């Protein structure tokens, strides 16, 4: 191939590339240039999960401590702590032992996932390790009382993994307190 042919082939490639660039340059932007702009259509965004509060008491979650979300989570990123009123929070005597003083993993006193009786349980803690979450949504789908929803926190940032380990019960109470503060002003 001669030098002239190589040069003409290179020029043709340059013209085709400039044509594509020119078309894209004239089109409107599709991406959002953060922080100059912010996303406005977050209706379908699925962030980490959050607890849904009672309408009459925004500090109290709808969660009935059935533990379905914890059981169905493929990543194991949800941990729920709860107790039945009048009983202690965890009864060490009800633990199963592999050998002396070695408990079987997951054998702490837990209520069954599906109980026939309507036992009232109190939610003591609901933690989410967002580092492990795959955002599959199985926990939201499996909740029988719709006490979980996806958050709209788009702009999450942190310096360590610890920043993405959430206590959702505490977050619910903080949201309720900040809403009360806004109403007071």
Protein backbone atom coordinates (compact mmCIF):
# COMPACT_ATOMS: atom_id res chain seq x y z
CA UNK A 1 0.00 0.00 0.00
CA UNK A 2 1.41 3.33 -0.95
CA UNK A 3 1.75 6.32 1.29
CA UNK A 4 -0.98 8.20 -0.57
CA UNK A 5 -3.47 5.36 -0.04
CA UNK A 6 -2.64 5.19 3.68
CA UNK A 7 -3.09 8.96 3.97
CA UNK A 8 -6.47 8.90 2.15
CA UNK A 9 -7.66 5.99 4.31
CA UNK A 10 -6.63 7.86 7.47
CA UNK A 11 -8.40 11.05 6.28
CA UNK A 12 -11.57 9.09 5.50
CA UNK A 13 -11.49 7.58 9.01
CA UNK A 14 -11.05 11.07 10.47
CA UNK A 15 -14.04 12.41 8.49
CA UNK A 16 -16.27 9.52 9.65
CA UNK A 17 -15.22 10.12 13.26
CA UNK A 18 -15.88 13.86 13.02
CA UNK A 19 -19.31 13.15 11.50
CA UNK A 20 -20.27 11.00 14.52
CA UNK A 21 -18.86 13.61 16.91
CA UNK A 22 -20.75 16.41 15.13
CA UNK A 23 -24.08 14.55 15.38
CA UNK A 24 -23.61 13.87 19.10
CA UNK A 25 -22.46 17.44 19.74
CA UNK A 26 -25.77 18.82 18.46
CA UNK A 27 -27.98 16.44 20.45
CA UNK A 28 -29.27 17.45 23.91
CA UNK A 29 -27.43 16.10 26.96
CA UNK A 30 -28.68 12.84 28.39
CA UNK A 31 -26.35 12.65 31.37
CA UNK A 32 -26.62 14.84 34.43
CA UNK A 33 -23.56 16.91 35.21
CA UNK A 34 -23.50 16.75 38.98
CA UNK A 35 -23.14 19.06 41.04
CA UNK A 36 -24.29 21.70 38.54
CA UNK A 37 -27.51 19.75 37.94
CA UNK A 38 -29.46 17.25 39.99
CA UNK A 39 -31.63 14.35 38.91
CA UNK A 40 -35.31 15.25 38.87
CA UNK A 41 -36.98 11.95 37.89
CA UNK A 42 -36.34 9.70 40.89
CA UNK A 43 -39.68 7.90 40.85
CA UNK A 44 -38.15 4.62 39.68
CA UNK A 45 -34.88 4.90 41.64
CA UNK A 46 -34.21 2.00 44.02
CA UNK A 47 -31.76 2.94 46.75
CA UNK A 48 -31.18 1.10 50.00
CA UNK A 49 -34.23 0.04 52.00
CA UNK A 50 -35.90 2.16 54.66
CA UNK A 51 -38.57 1.47 57.26
CA UNK A 52 -42.07 2.84 56.69
CA UNK A 53 -43.59 4.60 59.73
CA UNK A 54 -47.11 4.45 61.10
CA UNK A 55 -49.15 7.35 59.68
CA UNK A 56 -50.26 8.48 63.15
CA UNK A 57 -46.84 7.99 64.82
CA UNK A 58 -43.90 8.69 62.47
CA UNK A 59 -41.37 7.48 65.07
CA UNK A 60 -42.85 3.96 65.18
CA UNK A 61 -42.20 1.53 62.29
CA UNK A 62 -44.88 -0.64 60.68
CA UNK A 63 -42.59 -3.67 61.08
CA UNK A 64 -44.18 -6.60 62.95
CA UNK A 65 -40.83 -8.42 63.43
CA UNK A 66 -41.83 -11.44 61.33
CA UNK A 67 -38.23 -11.69 60.04
CA UNK A 68 -39.29 -12.61 56.50
CA UNK A 69 -36.99 -9.96 55.02
CA UNK A 70 -34.03 -11.28 57.02
CA UNK A 71 -34.74 -14.85 55.94
CA UNK A 72 -35.28 -14.11 52.25
CA UNK A 73 -32.24 -11.82 51.82
CA UNK A 74 -29.71 -13.66 49.62
CA UNK A 75 -26.88 -11.35 50.74
CA UNK A 76 -27.53 -11.66 54.46
CA UNK A 77 -27.29 -7.91 54.91
CA UNK A 78 -30.36 -7.48 57.18
CA UNK A 79 -30.30 -8.07 60.93
CA UNK A 80 -33.44 -7.70 63.04
CA UNK A 81 -33.64 -7.63 66.82
CA UNK A 82 -36.99 -7.89 68.56
CA UNK A 83 -38.70 -9.30 71.58
CA UNK A 84 -42.14 -10.20 72.86
CA UNK A 85 -43.28 -7.78 75.60
CA UNK A 86 -42.94 -9.33 79.03
CA UNK A 87 -40.13 -11.69 78.00
CA UNK A 88 -36.43 -11.06 78.07
CA UNK A 89 -34.81 -10.04 74.80
CA UNK A 90 -32.73 -13.21 74.37
CA UNK A 91 -32.96 -16.31 76.49
CA UNK A 92 -29.53 -18.01 76.59
CA UNK A 93 -31.13 -21.18 78.00
CA UNK A 94 -32.98 -21.69 74.68
CA UNK A 95 -29.75 -21.87 72.64
CA UNK A 96 -28.74 -25.17 71.06
CA UNK A 97 -25.18 -26.27 71.77
CA UNK A 98 -22.92 -28.17 69.38
CA UNK A 99 -20.57 -29.12 72.20
CA UNK A 100 -20.30 -27.58 75.63
CA UNK A 101 -20.43 -23.78 75.51
CA UNK A 102 -20.41 -23.61 71.66
CA UNK A 103 -23.79 -22.39 70.35
CA UNK A 104 -25.09 -23.54 66.99
CA UNK A 105 -24.98 -20.56 64.60
CA UNK A 106 -28.38 -18.95 64.33
CA UNK A 107 -29.81 -20.91 67.23
CA UNK A 108 -30.57 -17.93 69.44
CA UNK A 109 -34.17 -17.64 70.57
CA UNK A 110 -35.92 -16.52 67.39
CA UNK A 111 -39.59 -16.34 66.65
CA UNK A 112 -40.72 -18.39 63.65
CA UNK A 113 -40.96 -16.71 60.26
CA UNK A 114 -44.65 -17.49 59.89
CA UNK A 115 -46.53 -17.78 63.13
CA UNK A 116 -50.20 -18.67 63.35
CA UNK A 117 -50.73 -16.68 66.52
CA UNK A 118 -50.91 -12.91 66.43
CA UNK A 119 -48.19 -12.32 69.00
CA UNK A 120 -47.22 -8.69 69.38
CA UNK A 121 -43.48 -8.19 69.00
CA UNK A 122 -41.42 -5.09 69.63
CA UNK A 123 -38.72 -4.05 67.16
CA UNK A 124 -35.48 -3.34 69.04
CA UNK A 125 -33.11 -2.94 66.11
CA UNK A 126 -33.11 -3.15 62.33
CA UNK A 127 -29.67 -2.95 60.77
CA UNK A 128 -28.71 -2.96 57.11
CA UNK A 129 -25.21 -3.53 55.78
CA UNK A 130 -25.49 -1.69 52.46
CA UNK A 131 -22.00 -2.90 51.49
CA UNK A 132 -23.45 -6.39 51.01
CA UNK A 133 -26.87 -5.46 49.58
CA UNK A 134 -27.49 -6.52 45.98
CA UNK A 135 -30.63 -4.32 45.66
CA UNK A 136 -32.69 -7.33 44.57
CA UNK A 137 -35.82 -6.08 46.36
CA UNK A 138 -36.83 -9.47 47.76
CA UNK A 139 -37.08 -8.00 51.25
CA UNK A 140 -39.52 -5.30 50.10
CA UNK A 141 -41.60 -7.84 48.15
CA UNK A 142 -41.78 -10.38 50.97
CA UNK A 143 -42.90 -7.98 53.72
CA UNK A 144 -46.51 -8.89 54.62
CA UNK A 145 -47.36 -5.41 55.99
CA UNK A 146 -45.37 -3.29 53.48
CA UNK A 147 -43.10 -1.92 56.18
CA UNK A 148 -40.10 -1.62 53.85
CA UNK A 149 -39.56 0.73 50.94
CA UNK A 150 -36.66 1.85 48.78
CA UNK A 151 -35.07 5.13 49.79
CA UNK A 152 -34.45 8.01 47.46
CA UNK A 153 -30.91 8.67 48.72
CA UNK A 154 -29.13 9.16 45.41
CA UNK A 155 -26.08 11.06 46.56
CA UNK A 156 -24.52 8.65 49.05
CA UNK A 157 -20.84 9.08 49.78
CA UNK A 158 -18.57 7.81 52.50
CA UNK A 159 -14.95 7.32 53.42
CA UNK A 160 -15.19 3.81 54.86
CA UNK A 161 -17.39 0.75 54.78
CA UNK A 162 -18.68 1.64 58.23
CA UNK A 163 -20.45 4.66 56.66
CA UNK A 164 -22.78 2.27 54.81
CA UNK A 165 -23.89 0.21 57.80
CA UNK A 166 -27.26 1.69 58.71
CA UNK A 167 -29.47 1.40 61.76
CA UNK A 168 -32.81 1.84 59.99
CA UNK A 169 -34.77 2.24 63.22
CA UNK A 170 -32.55 5.16 64.19
CA UNK A 171 -32.86 6.64 60.67
CA UNK A 172 -36.66 6.44 60.94
CA UNK A 173 -36.63 8.32 64.23
CA UNK A 174 -34.21 10.94 62.89
CA UNK A 175 -36.44 11.53 59.86
CA UNK A 176 -39.47 11.93 62.13
CA UNK A 177 -37.59 14.38 64.38
CA UNK A 178 -36.37 16.44 61.42
CA UNK A 179 -39.91 16.53 59.98
CA UNK A 180 -41.21 17.76 63.36
CA UNK A 181 -38.50 20.42 63.40
CA UNK A 182 -39.45 21.63 59.90
CA UNK A 183 -43.12 21.82 60.91
CA UNK A 184 -42.25 23.85 64.00
CA UNK A 185 -40.41 26.46 61.94
